[in-house]
PDB file of N, CA and C in Angstrom:
ATOM      1  N   UNK A   1      90.247 118.107  46.784  1.00  0.00           N
ATOM      2  CA  UNK A   1      89.420 117.121  46.118  1.00  0.00           C
ATOM      3  C   UNK A   1      89.993 115.738  46.442  1.00  0.00           C
ATOM      4  N   UNK A   2      89.131 114.784  46.723  1.00  0.00           N
ATOM      5  CA  UNK A   2      89.610 113.460  47.071  1.00  0.00           C
ATOM      6  C   UNK A   2      90.082 112.713  45.828  1.00  0.00           C
ATOM      7  N   UNK A   3      90.980 111.798  46.054  1.00  0.00           N
ATOM      8  CA  UNK A   3      91.553 111.051  44.936  1.00  0.00           C
ATOM      9  C   UNK A   3      90.622 109.927  44.499  1.00  0.00           C
ATOM     10  N   UNK A   4      90.860 109.444  43.298  1.00  0.00           N
ATOM     11  CA  UNK A   4      90.113 108.310  42.762  1.00  0.00           C
ATOM     12  C   UNK A   4      90.834 107.036  43.184  1.00  0.00           C
ATOM     13  N   UNK A   5      90.089 106.119  43.780  1.00  0.00           N
ATOM     14  CA  UNK A   5      90.639 104.834  44.194  1.00  0.00           C
ATOM     15  C   UNK A   5      90.239 103.811  43.134  1.00  0.00           C
ATOM     16  N   UNK A   6      91.243 103.134  42.585  1.00  0.00           N
ATOM     17  CA  UNK A   6      90.980 102.165  41.513  1.00  0.00           C
ATOM     18  C   UNK A   6      91.339 100.756  41.979  1.00  0.00           C
ATOM     19  N   UNK A   7      90.512  99.787  41.583  1.00  0.00           N
ATOM     20  CA  UNK A   7      90.756  98.382  41.907  1.00  0.00           C
ATOM     21  C   UNK A   7      90.445  97.529  40.688  1.00  0.00           C
ATOM     22  N   UNK A   8      91.147  96.427  40.588  1.00  0.00           N
ATOM     23  CA  UNK A   8      90.850  95.416  39.581  1.00  0.00           C
ATOM     24  C   UNK A   8      90.287  94.221  40.345  1.00  0.00           C
ATOM     25  N   UNK A   9      89.090  93.808  39.980  1.00  0.00           N
ATOM     26  CA  UNK A   9      88.426  92.705  40.672  1.00  0.00           C
ATOM     27  C   UNK A   9      88.375  91.521  39.714  1.00  0.00           C
ATOM     28  N   UNK A  10      88.991  90.422  40.146  1.00  0.00           N
ATOM     29  CA  UNK A  10      89.004  89.217  39.321  1.00  0.00           C
ATOM     30  C   UNK A  10      87.832  88.322  39.705  1.00  0.00           C
ATOM     31  N   UNK A  11      87.091  87.872  38.696  1.00  0.00           N
ATOM     32  CA  UNK A  11      85.953  86.976  38.910  1.00  0.00           C
ATOM     33  C   UNK A  11      86.442  85.530  38.865  1.00  0.00           C
ATOM     34  N   UNK A  12      85.706  84.608  39.502  1.00  0.00           N
ATOM     35  CA  UNK A  12      86.087  83.196  39.495  1.00  0.00           C
ATOM     36  C   UNK A  12      86.191  82.607  38.082  1.00  0.00           C
ATOM     37  N   UNK A  13      85.422  83.156  37.140  1.00  0.00           N
ATOM     38  CA  UNK A  13      85.458  82.632  35.778  1.00  0.00           C
ATOM     39  C   UNK A  13      86.612  83.202  34.951  1.00  0.00           C
ATOM     40  N   UNK A  14      87.494  83.984  35.585  1.00  0.00           N
ATOM     41  CA  UNK A  14      88.639  84.549  34.887  1.00  0.00           C
ATOM     42  C   UNK A  14      88.399  85.944  34.347  1.00  0.00           C
ATOM     43  N   UNK A  15      87.173  86.437  34.442  1.00  0.00           N
ATOM     44  CA  UNK A  15      86.869  87.793  33.980  1.00  0.00           C
ATOM     45  C   UNK A  15      87.439  88.837  34.931  1.00  0.00           C
ATOM     46  N   UNK A  16      87.508  90.026  34.447  1.00  0.00           N
ATOM     47  CA  UNK A  16      88.067  91.120  35.235  1.00  0.00           C
ATOM     48  C   UNK A  16      87.110  92.313  35.183  1.00  0.00           C
ATOM     49  N   UNK A  17      86.933  92.950  36.321  1.00  0.00           N
ATOM     50  CA  UNK A  17      86.141  94.174  36.408  1.00  0.00           C
ATOM     51  C   UNK A  17      87.037  95.275  36.945  1.00  0.00           C
ATOM     52  N   UNK A  18      87.005  96.417  36.299  1.00  0.00           N
ATOM     53  CA  UNK A  18      87.743  97.580  36.773  1.00  0.00           C
ATOM     54  C   UNK A  18      86.771  98.453  37.551  1.00  0.00           C
ATOM     55  N   UNK A  19      87.158  98.816  38.764  1.00  0.00           N
ATOM     56  CA  UNK A  19      86.295  99.582  39.650  1.00  0.00           C
ATOM     57  C   UNK A  19      87.008 100.877  40.041  1.00  0.00           C
ATOM     58  N   UNK A  20      86.301 101.990  39.943  1.00  0.00           N
ATOM     59  CA  UNK A  20      86.850 103.279  40.371  1.00  0.00           C
ATOM     60  C   UNK A  20      85.850 103.933  41.302  1.00  0.00           C
ATOM     61  N   UNK A  21      86.369 104.590  42.336  1.00  0.00           N
ATOM     62  CA  UNK A  21      85.515 105.198  43.354  1.00  0.00           C
ATOM     63  C   UNK A  21      86.140 106.502  43.816  1.00  0.00           C
ATOM     64  N   UNK A  22      85.292 107.507  44.069  1.00  0.00           N
ATOM     65  CA  UNK A  22      85.759 108.785  44.588  1.00  0.00           C
ATOM     66  C   UNK A  22      84.738 109.309  45.581  1.00  0.00           C
ATOM     67  N   UNK A  23      85.210 109.717  46.741  1.00  0.00           N
ATOM     68  CA  UNK A  23      84.330 110.327  47.739  1.00  0.00           C
ATOM     69  C   UNK A  23      84.106 111.781  47.326  1.00  0.00           C
ATOM     70  N   UNK A  24      82.882 112.102  46.940  1.00  0.00           N
ATOM     71  CA  UNK A  24      82.584 113.446  46.448  1.00  0.00           C
ATOM     72  C   UNK A  24      81.841 114.292  47.477  1.00  0.00           C
ATOM     73  N   UNK A  25      81.693 113.797  48.694  1.00  0.00           N
ATOM     74  CA  UNK A  25      80.915 114.523  49.705  1.00  0.00           C
ATOM     75  C   UNK A  25      81.510 115.899  50.010  1.00  0.00           C
ATOM     76  N   UNK A  26      82.839 116.009  50.101  1.00  0.00           N
ATOM     77  CA  UNK A  26      83.456 117.311  50.372  1.00  0.00           C
ATOM     78  C   UNK A  26      83.250 118.273  49.206  1.00  0.00           C
ATOM     79  N   UNK A  27      83.323 117.775  47.990  1.00  0.00           N
ATOM     80  CA  UNK A  27      83.121 118.614  46.806  1.00  0.00           C
ATOM     81  C   UNK A  27      81.699 119.150  46.796  1.00  0.00           C
ATOM     82  N   UNK A  28      80.722 118.280  47.042  1.00  0.00           N
ATOM     83  CA  UNK A  28      79.324 118.707  47.026  1.00  0.00           C
ATOM     84  C   UNK A  28      79.027 119.688  48.153  1.00  0.00           C
ATOM     85  N   UNK A  29      79.629 119.468  49.336  1.00  0.00           N
ATOM     86  CA  UNK A  29      79.431 120.398  50.455  1.00  0.00           C
ATOM     87  C   UNK A  29      80.034 121.760  50.125  1.00  0.00           C
ATOM     88  N   UNK A  30      81.214 121.787  49.523  1.00  0.00           N
ATOM     89  CA  UNK A  30      81.849 123.046  49.143  1.00  0.00           C
ATOM     90  C   UNK A  30      81.021 123.747  48.072  1.00  0.00           C
ATOM     91  N   UNK A  31      80.499 122.982  47.101  1.00  0.00           N
ATOM     92  CA  UNK A  31      79.641 123.568  46.064  1.00  0.00           C
ATOM     93  C   UNK A  31      78.434 124.254  46.694  1.00  0.00           C
ATOM     94  N   UNK A  32      77.831 123.617  47.687  1.00  0.00           N
ATOM     95  CA  UNK A  32      76.659 124.186  48.362  1.00  0.00           C
ATOM     96  C   UNK A  32      77.031 125.472  49.090  1.00  0.00           C
ATOM     97  N   UNK A  33      78.190 125.474  49.747  1.00  0.00           N
ATOM     98  CA  UNK A  33      78.656 126.674  50.440  1.00  0.00           C
ATOM     99  C   UNK A  33      78.831 127.826  49.456  1.00  0.00           C
ATOM    100  N   UNK A  34      79.470 127.563  48.329  1.00  0.00           N
ATOM    101  CA  UNK A  34      79.677 128.602  47.322  1.00  0.00           C
ATOM    102  C   UNK A  34      78.356 129.056  46.713  1.00  0.00           C
ATOM    103  N   UNK A  35      77.438 128.110  46.482  1.00  0.00           N
ATOM    104  CA  UNK A  35      76.156 128.458  45.883  1.00  0.00           C
ATOM    105  C   UNK A  35      75.341 129.369  46.797  1.00  0.00           C
ATOM    106  N   UNK A  36      75.513 129.227  48.120  1.00  0.00           N
ATOM    107  CA  UNK A  36      74.759 130.026  49.082  1.00  0.00           C
ATOM    108  C   UNK A  36      75.450 131.336  49.451  1.00  0.00           C
ATOM    109  N   UNK A  37      76.677 131.534  48.985  1.00  0.00           N
ATOM    110  CA  UNK A  37      77.444 132.733  49.346  1.00  0.00           C
ATOM    111  C   UNK A  37      76.882 133.967  48.651  1.00  0.00           C
ATOM    112  N   UNK A  38      76.942 135.093  49.345  1.00  0.00           N
ATOM    113  CA  UNK A  38      76.565 136.365  48.727  1.00  0.00           C
ATOM    114  C   UNK A  38      77.667 136.757  47.752  1.00  0.00           C
ATOM    115  N   UNK A  39      77.265 137.164  46.565  1.00  0.00           N
ATOM    116  CA  UNK A  39      78.240 137.619  45.588  1.00  0.00           C
ATOM    117  C   UNK A  39      77.611 138.685  44.716  1.00  0.00           C
ATOM    118  N   UNK A  40      78.424 139.539  44.137  1.00  0.00           N
ATOM    119  CA  UNK A  40      77.880 140.551  43.234  1.00  0.00           C
ATOM    120  C   UNK A  40      77.313 139.898  41.985  1.00  0.00           C
ATOM    121  N   UNK A  41      76.710 140.693  41.156  1.00  0.00           N
ATOM    122  CA  UNK A  41      76.116 140.207  39.913  1.00  0.00           C
ATOM    123  C   UNK A  41      77.067 139.284  39.167  1.00  0.00           C
ATOM    124  N   UNK A  42      76.524 138.250  38.578  1.00  0.00           N
ATOM    125  CA  UNK A  42      77.342 137.269  37.864  1.00  0.00           C
ATOM    126  C   UNK A  42      77.897 137.804  36.562  1.00  0.00           C
ATOM    127  N   UNK A  43      77.432 138.927  36.120  1.00  0.00           N
ATOM    128  CA  UNK A  43      77.879 139.487  34.840  1.00  0.00           C
ATOM    129  C   UNK A  43      78.577 140.834  35.042  1.00  0.00           C
ATOM    130  N   UNK A  44      79.574 140.854  35.906  1.00  0.00           N
ATOM    131  CA  UNK A  44      80.330 142.074  36.130  1.00  0.00           C
ATOM    132  C   UNK A  44      81.270 142.323  34.959  1.00  0.00           C
ATOM    133  N   UNK A  45      81.467 143.584  34.656  1.00  0.00           N
ATOM    134  CA  UNK A  45      82.403 143.944  33.598  1.00  0.00           C
ATOM    135  C   UNK A  45      83.491 144.814  34.195  1.00  0.00           C
ATOM    136  N   UNK A  46      84.699 144.544  33.797  1.00  0.00           N
ATOM    137  CA  UNK A  46      85.830 145.323  34.276  1.00  0.00           C
ATOM    138  C   UNK A  46      86.689 145.678  33.075  1.00  0.00           C
ATOM    139  N   UNK A  47      86.841 146.936  32.811  1.00  0.00           N
ATOM    140  CA  UNK A  47      87.626 147.419  31.669  1.00  0.00           C
ATOM    141  C   UNK A  47      87.150 146.806  30.356  1.00  0.00           C
ATOM    142  N   UNK A  48      85.837 146.641  30.216  1.00  0.00           N
ATOM    143  CA  UNK A  48      85.289 146.127  28.967  1.00  0.00           C
ATOM    144  C   UNK A  48      85.389 144.625  28.802  1.00  0.00           C
ATOM    145  N   UNK A  49      85.922 143.924  29.784  1.00  0.00           N
ATOM    146  CA  UNK A  49      86.046 142.472  29.677  1.00  0.00           C
ATOM    147  C   UNK A  49      85.155 141.810  30.724  1.00  0.00           C
ATOM    148  N   UNK A  50      84.524 140.725  30.344  1.00  0.00           N
ATOM    149  CA  UNK A  50      83.679 140.002  31.288  1.00  0.00           C
ATOM    150  C   UNK A  50      84.557 139.321  32.329  1.00  0.00           C
ATOM    151  N   UNK A  51      84.136 139.397  33.577  1.00  0.00           N
ATOM    152  CA  UNK A  51      84.884 138.779  34.669  1.00  0.00           C
ATOM    153  C   UNK A  51      84.551 137.287  34.744  1.00  0.00           C
ATOM    154  N   UNK A  52      85.550 136.468  34.966  1.00  0.00           N
ATOM    155  CA  UNK A  52      85.353 135.028  35.101  1.00  0.00           C
ATOM    156  C   UNK A  52      84.967 134.705  36.540  1.00  0.00           C
ATOM    157  N   UNK A  53      84.139 133.703  36.703  1.00  0.00           N
ATOM    158  CA  UNK A  53      83.791 133.236  38.035  1.00  0.00           C
ATOM    159  C   UNK A  53      83.434 131.757  37.963  1.00  0.00           C
ATOM    160  N   UNK A  54      83.547 131.073  39.089  1.00  0.00           N
ATOM    161  CA  UNK A  54      83.287 129.631  39.155  1.00  0.00           C
ATOM    162  C   UNK A  54      81.789 129.386  39.107  1.00  0.00           C
ATOM    163  N   UNK A  55      81.359 128.483  38.239  1.00  0.00           N
ATOM    164  CA  UNK A  55      79.943 128.136  38.157  1.00  0.00           C
ATOM    165  C   UNK A  55      79.685 126.698  38.585  1.00  0.00           C
ATOM    166  N   UNK A  56      80.751 125.880  38.659  1.00  0.00           N
ATOM    167  CA  UNK A  56      80.570 124.481  39.044  1.00  0.00           C
ATOM    168  C   UNK A  56      81.914 123.881  39.448  1.00  0.00           C
ATOM    169  N   UNK A  57      81.846 122.843  40.261  1.00  0.00           N
ATOM    170  CA  UNK A  57      83.005 122.000  40.566  1.00  0.00           C
ATOM    171  C   UNK A  57      82.581 120.577  40.249  1.00  0.00           C
ATOM    172  N   UNK A  58      83.300 119.953  39.350  1.00  0.00           N
ATOM    173  CA  UNK A  58      82.919 118.638  38.854  1.00  0.00           C
ATOM    174  C   UNK A  58      83.966 117.623  39.291  1.00  0.00           C
ATOM    175  N   UNK A  59      83.566 116.572  39.999  1.00  0.00           N
ATOM    176  CA  UNK A  59      84.528 115.554  40.427  1.00  0.00           C
ATOM    177  C   UNK A  59      85.216 114.896  39.222  1.00  0.00           C
ATOM    178  N   UNK A  60      86.484 114.573  39.403  1.00  0.00           N
ATOM    179  CA  UNK A  60      87.268 113.969  38.321  1.00  0.00           C
ATOM    180  C   UNK A  60      86.659 112.671  37.806  1.00  0.00           C
ATOM    181  N   UNK A  61      86.103 111.868  38.703  1.00  0.00           N
ATOM    182  CA  UNK A  61      85.529 110.601  38.274  1.00  0.00           C
ATOM    183  C   UNK A  61      84.349 110.819  37.330  1.00  0.00           C
ATOM    184  N   UNK A  62      83.567 111.856  37.559  1.00  0.00           N
ATOM    185  CA  UNK A  62      82.449 112.166  36.676  1.00  0.00           C
ATOM    186  C   UNK A  62      82.962 112.629  35.307  1.00  0.00           C
ATOM    187  N   UNK A  63      84.032 113.424  35.308  1.00  0.00           N
ATOM    188  CA  UNK A  63      84.632 113.839  34.041  1.00  0.00           C
ATOM    189  C   UNK A  63      85.094 112.608  33.262  1.00  0.00           C
ATOM    190  N   UNK A  64      85.707 111.653  33.952  1.00  0.00           N
ATOM    191  CA  UNK A  64      86.138 110.414  33.295  1.00  0.00           C
ATOM    192  C   UNK A  64      84.942 109.657  32.717  1.00  0.00           C
ATOM    193  N   UNK A  65      83.861 109.568  33.484  1.00  0.00           N
ATOM    194  CA  UNK A  65      82.666 108.861  32.994  1.00  0.00           C
ATOM    195  C   UNK A  65      82.111 109.537  31.742  1.00  0.00           C
ATOM    196  N   UNK A  66      82.045 110.869  31.777  1.00  0.00           N
ATOM    197  CA  UNK A  66      81.556 111.587  30.605  1.00  0.00           C
ATOM    198  C   UNK A  66      82.453 111.322  29.396  1.00  0.00           C
ATOM    199  N   UNK A  67      83.762 111.256  29.621  1.00  0.00           N
ATOM    200  CA  UNK A  67      84.690 110.981  28.524  1.00  0.00           C
ATOM    201  C   UNK A  67      84.386 109.606  27.915  1.00  0.00           C
ATOM    202  N   UNK A  68      84.109 108.617  28.756  1.00  0.00           N
ATOM    203  CA  UNK A  68      83.764 107.276  28.265  1.00  0.00           C
ATOM    204  C   UNK A  68      82.449 107.283  27.486  1.00  0.00           C
ATOM    205  N   UNK A  69      81.571 108.222  27.822  1.00  0.00           N
ATOM    206  CA  UNK A  69      80.290 108.353  27.121  1.00  0.00           C
ATOM    207  C   UNK A  69      80.406 109.232  25.875  1.00  0.00           C
ATOM    208  N   UNK A  70      81.626 109.686  25.561  1.00  0.00           N
ATOM    209  CA  UNK A  70      81.843 110.475  24.362  1.00  0.00           C
ATOM    210  C   UNK A  70      81.721 111.974  24.547  1.00  0.00           C
ATOM    211  N   UNK A  71      81.660 112.431  25.797  1.00  0.00           N
ATOM    212  CA  UNK A  71      81.575 113.864  26.073  1.00  0.00           C
ATOM    213  C   UNK A  71      82.952 114.324  26.532  1.00  0.00           C
ATOM    214  N   UNK A  72      83.678 114.978  25.642  1.00  0.00           N
ATOM    215  CA  UNK A  72      85.038 115.407  25.952  1.00  0.00           C
ATOM    216  C   UNK A  72      85.005 116.752  26.666  1.00  0.00           C
ATOM    217  N   UNK A  73      85.179 116.696  27.950  1.00  0.00           N
ATOM    218  CA  UNK A  73      85.155 117.859  28.839  1.00  0.00           C
ATOM    219  C   UNK A  73      86.174 118.913  28.419  1.00  0.00           C
ATOM    220  N   UNK A  74      87.246 118.496  27.780  1.00  0.00           N
ATOM    221  CA  UNK A  74      88.359 119.384  27.464  1.00  0.00           C
ATOM    222  C   UNK A  74      88.287 120.001  26.069  1.00  0.00           C
ATOM    223  N   UNK A  75      87.193 119.764  25.346  1.00  0.00           N
ATOM    224  CA  UNK A  75      87.034 120.325  24.001  1.00  0.00           C
ATOM    225  C   UNK A  75      85.792 121.206  23.956  1.00  0.00           C
ATOM    226  N   UNK A  76      85.797 122.185  23.092  1.00  0.00           N
ATOM    227  CA  UNK A  76      84.681 123.127  23.006  1.00  0.00           C
ATOM    228  C   UNK A  76      83.365 122.426  22.682  1.00  0.00           C
ATOM    229  N   UNK A  77      83.388 121.454  21.759  1.00  0.00           N
ATOM    230  CA  UNK A  77      82.140 120.764  21.420  1.00  0.00           C
ATOM    231  C   UNK A  77      81.622 119.941  22.597  1.00  0.00           C
ATOM    232  N   UNK A  78      82.503 119.427  23.425  1.00  0.00           N
ATOM    233  CA  UNK A  78      82.087 118.714  24.628  1.00  0.00           C
ATOM    234  C   UNK A  78      81.516 119.643  25.672  1.00  0.00           C
ATOM    235  N   UNK A  79      82.051 120.862  25.750  1.00  0.00           N
ATOM    236  CA  UNK A  79      81.573 121.815  26.741  1.00  0.00           C
ATOM    237  C   UNK A  79      80.146 122.250  26.483  1.00  0.00           C
ATOM    238  N   UNK A  80      79.711 122.222  25.239  1.00  0.00           N
ATOM    239  CA  UNK A  80      78.309 122.535  24.950  1.00  0.00           C
ATOM    240  C   UNK A  80      77.405 121.538  25.662  1.00  0.00           C
ATOM    241  N   UNK A  81      77.788 120.259  25.635  1.00  0.00           N
ATOM    242  CA  UNK A  81      77.007 119.216  26.305  1.00  0.00           C
ATOM    243  C   UNK A  81      77.124 119.336  27.821  1.00  0.00           C
ATOM    244  N   UNK A  82      78.324 119.628  28.303  1.00  0.00           N
ATOM    245  CA  UNK A  82      78.528 119.776  29.751  1.00  0.00           C
ATOM    246  C   UNK A  82      77.685 120.926  30.283  1.00  0.00           C
ATOM    247  N   UNK A  83      77.696 122.065  29.597  1.00  0.00           N
ATOM    248  CA  UNK A  83      76.894 123.212  30.036  1.00  0.00           C
ATOM    249  C   UNK A  83      75.414 122.856  30.067  1.00  0.00           C
ATOM    250  N   UNK A  84      74.944 122.140  29.052  1.00  0.00           N
ATOM    251  CA  UNK A  84      73.531 121.741  29.021  1.00  0.00           C
ATOM    252  C   UNK A  84      73.206 120.844  30.217  1.00  0.00           C
ATOM    253  N   UNK A  85      74.105 119.920  30.547  1.00  0.00           N
ATOM    254  CA  UNK A  85      73.867 119.035  31.690  1.00  0.00           C
ATOM    255  C   UNK A  85      73.878 119.809  33.003  1.00  0.00           C
ATOM    256  N   UNK A  86      74.806 120.756  33.144  1.00  0.00           N
ATOM    257  CA  UNK A  86      74.891 121.537  34.380  1.00  0.00           C
ATOM    258  C   UNK A  86      73.675 122.424  34.585  1.00  0.00           C
ATOM    259  N   UNK A  87      72.938 122.698  33.534  1.00  0.00           N
ATOM    260  CA  UNK A  87      71.720 123.501  33.639  1.00  0.00           C
ATOM    261  C   UNK A  87      70.495 122.666  33.995  1.00  0.00           C
ATOM    262  N   UNK A  88      70.668 121.355  34.233  1.00  0.00           N
ATOM    263  CA  UNK A  88      69.557 120.493  34.610  1.00  0.00           C
ATOM    264  C   UNK A  88      69.556 120.263  36.128  1.00  0.00           C
ATOM    265  N   UNK A  89      68.408 119.844  36.647  1.00  0.00           N
ATOM    266  CA  UNK A  89      68.314 119.530  38.075  1.00  0.00           C
ATOM    267  C   UNK A  89      69.176 118.333  38.450  1.00  0.00           C
ATOM    268  N   UNK A  90      69.347 117.387  37.528  1.00  0.00           N
ATOM    269  CA  UNK A  90      70.114 116.171  37.798  1.00  0.00           C
ATOM    270  C   UNK A  90      71.540 116.492  38.268  1.00  0.00           C
ATOM    271  N   UNK A  91      72.145 117.527  37.691  1.00  0.00           N
ATOM    272  CA  UNK A  91      73.520 117.889  38.036  1.00  0.00           C
ATOM    273  C   UNK A  91      73.590 119.182  38.848  1.00  0.00           C
ATOM    274  N   UNK A  92      72.489 119.562  39.462  1.00  0.00           N
ATOM    275  CA  UNK A  92      72.414 120.806  40.214  1.00  0.00           C
ATOM    276  C   UNK A  92      73.386 120.903  41.372  1.00  0.00           C
ATOM    277  N   UNK A  93      73.736 119.789  41.995  1.00  0.00           N
ATOM    278  CA  UNK A  93      74.651 119.824  43.143  1.00  0.00           C
ATOM    279  C   UNK A  93      76.088 120.118  42.733  1.00  0.00           C
ATOM    280  N   UNK A  94      76.358 120.111  41.443  1.00  0.00           N
ATOM    281  CA  UNK A  94      77.693 120.468  40.972  1.00  0.00           C
ATOM    282  C   UNK A  94      77.847 121.979  40.822  1.00  0.00           C
ATOM    283  N   UNK A  95      76.731 122.699  40.797  1.00  0.00           N
ATOM    284  CA  UNK A  95      76.731 124.138  40.552  1.00  0.00           C
ATOM    285  C   UNK A  95      77.188 124.907  41.794  1.00  0.00           C
ATOM    286  N   UNK A  96      77.915 125.993  41.544  1.00  0.00           N
ATOM    287  CA  UNK A  96      78.394 126.851  42.624  1.00  0.00           C
ATOM    288  C   UNK A  96      77.872 128.281  42.481  1.00  0.00           C
ATOM    289  N   UNK A  97      77.066 128.524  41.442  1.00  0.00           N
ATOM    290  CA  UNK A  97      76.545 129.870  41.198  1.00  0.00           C
ATOM    291  C   UNK A  97      75.141 129.750  40.593  1.00  0.00           C
ATOM    292  N   UNK A  98      74.312 130.744  40.843  1.00  0.00           N
ATOM    293  CA  UNK A  98      72.961 130.710  40.290  1.00  0.00           C
ATOM    294  C   UNK A  98      72.945 131.073  38.805  1.00  0.00           C
ATOM    295  N   UNK A  99      71.782 130.925  38.192  1.00  0.00           N
ATOM    296  CA  UNK A  99      71.609 131.307  36.786  1.00  0.00           C
ATOM    297  C   UNK A  99      71.932 130.181  35.840  1.00  0.00           C
ATOM    298  N   UNK A 100      71.845 130.501  34.570  1.00  0.00           N
ATOM    299  CA  UNK A 100      72.166 129.524  33.528  1.00  0.00           C
ATOM    300  C   UNK A 100      73.593 129.731  33.071  1.00  0.00           C
ATOM    301  N   UNK A 101      74.186 128.648  32.651  1.00  0.00           N
ATOM    302  CA  UNK A 101      75.559 128.717  32.136  1.00  0.00           C
ATOM    303  C   UNK A 101      75.489 128.964  30.647  1.00  0.00           C
TER     304      UNK A 101
END
């Protein structure tokens, strides 16, 4: 995953803008490769336990943006919102597996 590049931009009037950028092209290409891969059923069971599998890869910069918008990616209540977003067409390129989350 590519790193986040951060810059502080000073305006002539003395103001400051914080800028962050991340190249997500490799992440999106890898997501597409995984989404197109042949795989067994997404709901496999092994010894009575559901098997875990990757359903999305989310760039770090997007996670940071969601955090600023009040969606805490690292908490259960935030994950309800993240799952809902990943089930929309808007965030479809983040998905690595078919079906609903």
